[in-house]
């Protein structure tokens, strides 16, 4: 949850008001468009190790 933000000039008068809805949308847009998420989508970075497939048939369980 974001609260409304007021930006004042040097004289103390309100210069700009940012609504909570605007702040929230800007935050979530930047969250989904950050460089780390782009790198993850492109497959950059360390890869995951392949998992060993285990045979879980009833015949092989002991």
PDB file of N, CA and C in Angstrom:
ATOM      1  N   UNK A   1       0.842  -1.174   0.000  1.00  0.00           N
ATOM      2  CA  UNK A   1       0.000   0.000   0.000  1.00  0.00           C
ATOM      3  C   UNK A   1       0.888   1.239   0.000  1.00  0.00           C
ATOM      4  N   UNK A   2       0.563   2.170  -0.845  1.00  0.00           N
ATOM      5  CA  UNK A   2       1.320   3.403  -0.947  1.00  0.00           C
ATOM      6  C   UNK A   2       0.432   4.566  -0.513  1.00  0.00           C
ATOM      7  N   UNK A   3       1.044   5.528   0.145  1.00  0.00           N
ATOM      8  CA  UNK A   3       0.321   6.722   0.573  1.00  0.00           C
ATOM      9  C   UNK A   3       0.605   7.846  -0.407  1.00  0.00           C
ATOM     10  N   UNK A   4      -0.335   8.761  -0.512  1.00  0.00           N
ATOM     11  CA  UNK A   4      -0.179   9.916  -1.381  1.00  0.00           C
ATOM     12  C   UNK A   4       1.075  10.698  -0.985  1.00  0.00           C
ATOM     13  N   UNK A   5       1.806  11.190  -1.982  1.00  0.00           N
ATOM     14  CA  UNK A   5       3.038  11.928  -1.734  1.00  0.00           C
ATOM     15  C   UNK A   5       2.890  13.330  -2.300  1.00  0.00           C
ATOM     16  N   UNK A   6       3.272  14.314  -1.503  1.00  0.00           N
ATOM     17  CA  UNK A   6       3.240  15.703  -1.955  1.00  0.00           C
ATOM     18  C   UNK A   6       4.672  16.206  -2.074  1.00  0.00           C
ATOM     19  N   UNK A   7       4.969  16.850  -3.190  1.00  0.00           N
ATOM     20  CA  UNK A   7       6.297  17.418  -3.425  1.00  0.00           C
ATOM     21  C   UNK A   7       6.158  18.925  -3.334  1.00  0.00           C
ATOM     22  N   UNK A   8       7.009  19.522  -2.501  1.00  0.00           N
ATOM     23  CA  UNK A   8       6.940  20.957  -2.253  1.00  0.00           C
ATOM     24  C   UNK A   8       8.099  21.677  -2.920  1.00  0.00           C
ATOM     25  N   UNK A   9       7.883  22.969  -3.261  1.00  0.00           N
ATOM     26  CA  UNK A   9       8.974  23.783  -3.790  1.00  0.00           C
ATOM     27  C   UNK A   9       9.699  24.466  -2.630  1.00  0.00           C
ATOM     28  N   UNK A  10      10.663  25.315  -2.939  1.00  0.00           N
ATOM     29  CA  UNK A  10      11.468  25.973  -1.895  1.00  0.00           C
ATOM     30  C   UNK A  10      10.635  26.867  -0.989  1.00  0.00           C
ATOM     31  N   UNK A  11       9.540  27.378  -1.502  1.00  0.00           N
ATOM     32  CA  UNK A  11       8.704  28.293  -0.723  1.00  0.00           C
ATOM     33  C   UNK A  11       7.690  27.553   0.151  1.00  0.00           C
ATOM     34  N   UNK A  12       7.635  26.240   0.015  1.00  0.00           N
ATOM     35  CA  UNK A  12       6.720  25.451   0.827  1.00  0.00           C
ATOM     36  C   UNK A  12       5.364  25.227   0.196  1.00  0.00           C
ATOM     37  N   UNK A  13       5.226  25.615  -1.061  1.00  0.00           N
ATOM     38  CA  UNK A  13       3.966  25.391  -1.756  1.00  0.00           C
ATOM     39  C   UNK A  13       4.008  24.032  -2.461  1.00  0.00           C
ATOM     40  N   UNK A  14       2.827  23.423  -2.563  1.00  0.00           N
ATOM     41  CA  UNK A  14       2.742  22.111  -3.198  1.00  0.00           C
ATOM     42  C   UNK A  14       3.050  22.257  -4.681  1.00  0.00           C
ATOM     43  N   UNK A  15       4.064  21.521  -5.113  1.00  0.00           N
ATOM     44  CA  UNK A  15       4.483  21.557  -6.506  1.00  0.00           C
ATOM     45  C   UNK A  15       3.821  20.430  -7.295  1.00  0.00           C
ATOM     46  N   UNK A  16       3.724  19.253  -6.673  1.00  0.00           N
ATOM     47  CA  UNK A  16       3.196  18.084  -7.357  1.00  0.00           C
ATOM     48  C   UNK A  16       2.607  17.127  -6.323  1.00  0.00           C
ATOM     49  N   UNK A  17       1.545  16.415  -6.700  1.00  0.00           N
ATOM     50  CA  UNK A  17       0.934  15.405  -5.840  1.00  0.00           C
ATOM     51  C   UNK A  17       0.914  14.085  -6.604  1.00  0.00           C
ATOM     52  N   UNK A  18       1.487  13.069  -5.993  1.00  0.00           N
ATOM     53  CA  UNK A  18       1.489  11.730  -6.587  1.00  0.00           C
ATOM     54  C   UNK A  18       0.481  10.875  -5.834  1.00  0.00           C
ATOM     55  N   UNK A  19      -0.521  10.396  -6.542  1.00  0.00           N
ATOM     56  CA  UNK A  19      -1.568   9.594  -5.897  1.00  0.00           C
ATOM     57  C   UNK A  19      -1.046   8.211  -5.558  1.00  0.00           C
ATOM     58  N   UNK A  20      -1.715   7.567  -4.627  1.00  0.00           N
ATOM     59  CA  UNK A  20      -1.305   6.225  -4.223  1.00  0.00           C
ATOM     60  C   UNK A  20      -1.470   5.245  -5.383  1.00  0.00           C
ATOM     61  N   UNK A  21      -2.489   5.438  -6.201  1.00  0.00           N
ATOM     62  CA  UNK A  21      -2.715   4.566  -7.353  1.00  0.00           C
ATOM     63  C   UNK A  21      -1.580   4.710  -8.368  1.00  0.00           C
ATOM     64  N   UNK A  22      -1.140   5.934  -8.613  1.00  0.00           N
ATOM     65  CA  UNK A  22      -0.043   6.196  -9.550  1.00  0.00           C
ATOM     66  C   UNK A  22       1.259   5.586  -9.029  1.00  0.00           C
ATOM     67  N   UNK A  23       1.545   5.759  -7.745  1.00  0.00           N
ATOM     68  CA  UNK A  23       2.760   5.195  -7.149  1.00  0.00           C
ATOM     69  C   UNK A  23       2.749   3.674  -7.225  1.00  0.00           C
ATOM     70  N   UNK A  24       1.606   3.085  -6.962  1.00  0.00           N
ATOM     71  CA  UNK A  24       1.496   1.637  -7.009  1.00  0.00           C
ATOM     72  C   UNK A  24       1.734   1.112  -8.426  1.00  0.00           C
ATOM     73  N   UNK A  25       1.113   1.735  -9.416  1.00  0.00           N
ATOM     74  CA  UNK A  25       1.285   1.263 -10.790  1.00  0.00           C
ATOM     75  C   UNK A  25       2.726   1.445 -11.257  1.00  0.00           C
ATOM     76  N   UNK A  26       3.379   2.545 -10.885  1.00  0.00           N
ATOM     77  CA  UNK A  26       4.777   2.772 -11.261  1.00  0.00           C
ATOM     78  C   UNK A  26       5.685   1.728 -10.607  1.00  0.00           C
ATOM     79  N   UNK A  27       5.415   1.408  -9.356  1.00  0.00           N
ATOM     80  CA  UNK A  27       6.226   0.418  -8.651  1.00  0.00           C
ATOM     81  C   UNK A  27       6.121  -0.947  -9.335  1.00  0.00           C
ATOM     82  N   UNK A  28       4.900  -1.395  -9.585  1.00  0.00           N
ATOM     83  CA  UNK A  28       4.721  -2.729 -10.167  1.00  0.00           C
ATOM     84  C   UNK A  28       5.230  -2.790 -11.604  1.00  0.00           C
ATOM     85  N   UNK A  29       5.122  -1.697 -12.352  1.00  0.00           N
ATOM     86  CA  UNK A  29       5.692  -1.675 -13.703  1.00  0.00           C
ATOM     87  C   UNK A  29       7.206  -1.820 -13.640  1.00  0.00           C
ATOM     88  N   UNK A  30       7.847  -1.124 -12.722  1.00  0.00           N
ATOM     89  CA  UNK A  30       9.301  -1.231 -12.598  1.00  0.00           C
ATOM     90  C   UNK A  30       9.700  -2.601 -12.060  1.00  0.00           C
ATOM     91  N   UNK A  31       8.856  -3.186 -11.237  1.00  0.00           N
ATOM     92  CA  UNK A  31       9.140  -4.507 -10.678  1.00  0.00           C
ATOM     93  C   UNK A  31       9.186  -5.560 -11.780  1.00  0.00           C
ATOM     94  N   UNK A  32       8.232  -5.519 -12.691  1.00  0.00           N
ATOM     95  CA  UNK A  32       8.169  -6.517 -13.753  1.00  0.00           C
ATOM     96  C   UNK A  32       9.097  -6.199 -14.917  1.00  0.00           C
ATOM     97  N   UNK A  33       9.593  -4.979 -14.993  1.00  0.00           N
ATOM     98  CA  UNK A  33      10.469  -4.591 -16.101  1.00  0.00           C
ATOM     99  C   UNK A  33      11.901  -4.337 -15.655  1.00  0.00           C
ATOM    100  N   UNK A  34      12.320  -4.912 -14.528  1.00  0.00           N
ATOM    101  CA  UNK A  34      13.683  -4.671 -14.070  1.00  0.00           C
ATOM    102  C   UNK A  34      14.678  -5.520 -14.861  1.00  0.00           C
ATOM    103  N   UNK A  35      15.947  -5.132 -14.910  1.00  0.00           N
ATOM    104  CA  UNK A  35      16.947  -5.844 -15.701  1.00  0.00           C
ATOM    105  C   UNK A  35      17.176  -7.288 -15.256  1.00  0.00           C
ATOM    106  N   UNK A  36      16.998  -7.587 -14.008  1.00  0.00           N
ATOM    107  CA  UNK A  36      17.214  -8.948 -13.532  1.00  0.00           C
ATOM    108  C   UNK A  36      16.165  -9.898 -14.093  1.00  0.00           C
ATOM    109  N   UNK A  37      14.931  -9.447 -14.163  1.00  0.00           N
ATOM    110  CA  UNK A  37      13.900 -10.321 -14.717  1.00  0.00           C
ATOM    111  C   UNK A  37      14.110 -10.512 -16.216  1.00  0.00           C
ATOM    112  N   UNK A  38      14.633  -9.491 -16.919  1.00  0.00           N
ATOM    113  CA  UNK A  38      14.928  -9.628 -18.346  1.00  0.00           C
ATOM    114  C   UNK A  38      16.023 -10.651 -18.572  1.00  0.00           C
ATOM    115  N   UNK A  39      17.048 -10.638 -17.735  1.00  0.00           N
ATOM    116  CA  UNK A  39      18.138 -11.602 -17.869  1.00  0.00           C
ATOM    117  C   UNK A  39      17.631 -13.013 -17.623  1.00  0.00           C
ATOM    118  N   UNK A  40      16.729 -13.149 -16.699  1.00  0.00           N
ATOM    119  CA  UNK A  40      16.182 -14.473 -16.397  1.00  0.00           C
ATOM    120  C   UNK A  40      15.371 -15.003 -17.582  1.00  0.00           C
ATOM    121  N   UNK A  41      14.624 -14.114 -18.234  1.00  0.00           N
ATOM    122  CA  UNK A  41      13.825 -14.521 -19.378  1.00  0.00           C
ATOM    123  C   UNK A  41      14.712 -14.939 -20.549  1.00  0.00           C
ATOM    124  N   UNK A  42      15.850 -14.262 -20.719  1.00  0.00           N
ATOM    125  CA  UNK A  42      16.743 -14.537 -21.843  1.00  0.00           C
ATOM    126  C   UNK A  42      17.612 -15.758 -21.595  1.00  0.00           C
ATOM    127  N   UNK A  43      17.584 -16.287 -20.378  1.00  0.00           N
ATOM    128  CA  UNK A  43      18.356 -17.484 -20.079  1.00  0.00           C
ATOM    129  C   UNK A  43      19.793 -17.182 -19.700  1.00  0.00           C
ATOM    130  N   UNK A  44      20.087 -15.943 -19.360  1.00  0.00           N
ATOM    131  CA  UNK A  44      21.439 -15.600 -18.937  1.00  0.00           C
ATOM    132  C   UNK A  44      21.648 -16.016 -17.488  1.00  0.00           C
ATOM    133  N   UNK A  45      22.885 -16.068 -17.105  1.00  0.00           N
ATOM    134  CA  UNK A  45      23.198 -16.406 -15.725  1.00  0.00           C
ATOM    135  C   UNK A  45      23.502 -17.878 -15.595  1.00  0.00           C
ATOM    136  N   UNK A  46      23.583 -18.326 -14.372  1.00  0.00           N
ATOM    137  CA  UNK A  46      23.909 -19.725 -14.104  1.00  0.00           C
ATOM    138  C   UNK A  46      22.723 -20.610 -14.428  1.00  0.00           C
ATOM    139  N   UNK A  47      22.996 -21.680 -15.088  1.00  0.00           N
ATOM    140  CA  UNK A  47      21.939 -22.628 -15.418  1.00  0.00           C
ATOM    141  C   UNK A  47      21.678 -23.562 -14.258  1.00  0.00           C
ATOM    142  N   UNK A  48      20.585 -24.259 -14.332  1.00  0.00           N
ATOM    143  CA  UNK A  48      20.256 -25.219 -13.291  1.00  0.00           C
ATOM    144  C   UNK A  48      20.838 -26.571 -13.664  1.00  0.00           C
ATOM    145  N   UNK A  49      21.235 -27.313 -12.659  1.00  0.00           N
ATOM    146  CA  UNK A  49      21.751 -28.651 -12.888  1.00  0.00           C
ATOM    147  C   UNK A  49      20.588 -29.568 -13.238  1.00  0.00           C
ATOM    148  N   UNK A  50      20.785 -30.452 -14.200  1.00  0.00           N
ATOM    149  CA  UNK A  50      19.699 -31.384 -14.513  1.00  0.00           C
ATOM    150  C   UNK A  50      19.482 -32.352 -13.356  1.00  0.00           C
ATOM    151  N   UNK A  51      18.235 -32.652 -13.098  1.00  0.00           N
ATOM    152  CA  UNK A  51      17.909 -33.547 -11.994  1.00  0.00           C
ATOM    153  C   UNK A  51      17.988 -34.991 -12.475  1.00  0.00           C
ATOM    154  N   UNK A  52      18.459 -35.845 -11.600  1.00  0.00           N
ATOM    155  CA  UNK A  52      18.517 -37.264 -11.925  1.00  0.00           C
ATOM    156  C   UNK A  52      17.107 -37.828 -11.882  1.00  0.00           C
ATOM    157  N   UNK A  53      16.780 -38.616 -12.885  1.00  0.00           N
ATOM    158  CA  UNK A  53      15.460 -39.240 -12.858  1.00  0.00           C
ATOM    159  C   UNK A  53      15.575 -40.532 -12.062  1.00  0.00           C
ATOM    160  N   UNK A  54      14.695 -40.685 -11.118  1.00  0.00           N
ATOM    161  CA  UNK A  54      14.714 -41.891 -10.297  1.00  0.00           C
ATOM    162  C   UNK A  54      13.557 -42.783 -10.701  1.00  0.00           C
ATOM    163  N   UNK A  55      13.799 -44.061 -10.712  1.00  0.00           N
ATOM    164  CA  UNK A  55      12.773 -45.027 -11.064  1.00  0.00           C
ATOM    165  C   UNK A  55      11.989 -45.355  -9.798  1.00  0.00           C
ATOM    166  N   UNK A  56      10.737 -44.963  -9.759  1.00  0.00           N
ATOM    167  CA  UNK A  56       9.925 -45.125  -8.554  1.00  0.00           C
ATOM    168  C   UNK A  56       8.851 -46.188  -8.716  1.00  0.00           C
ATOM    169  N   UNK A  57       9.109 -47.175  -9.544  1.00  0.00           N
ATOM    170  CA  UNK A  57       8.144 -48.267  -9.684  1.00  0.00           C
ATOM    171  C   UNK A  57       8.104 -49.083  -8.398  1.00  0.00           C
ATOM    172  N   UNK A  58       6.980 -49.727  -8.166  1.00  0.00           N
ATOM    173  CA  UNK A  58       6.838 -50.567  -6.972  1.00  0.00           C
ATOM    174  C   UNK A  58       7.843 -51.712  -6.962  1.00  0.00           C
ATOM    175  N   UNK A  59       8.220 -52.168  -8.125  1.00  0.00           N
ATOM    176  CA  UNK A  59       9.142 -53.307  -8.197  1.00  0.00           C
ATOM    177  C   UNK A  59      10.521 -52.949  -7.689  1.00  0.00           C
ATOM    178  N   UNK A  60      10.912 -51.680  -7.807  1.00  0.00           N
ATOM    179  CA  UNK A  60      12.259 -51.271  -7.434  1.00  0.00           C
ATOM    180  C   UNK A  60      12.373 -50.746  -6.000  1.00  0.00           C
ATOM    181  N   UNK A  61      11.281 -50.585  -5.326  1.00  0.00           N
ATOM    182  CA  UNK A  61      11.308 -50.058  -3.969  1.00  0.00           C
ATOM    183  C   UNK A  61      11.656 -51.159  -2.991  1.00  0.00           C
ATOM    184  N   UNK A  62      12.511 -50.847  -2.070  1.00  0.00           N
ATOM    185  CA  UNK A  62      12.904 -51.851  -1.066  1.00  0.00           C
ATOM    186  C   UNK A  62      12.770 -51.292   0.318  1.00  0.00           C
TER     187      UNK A  62
END
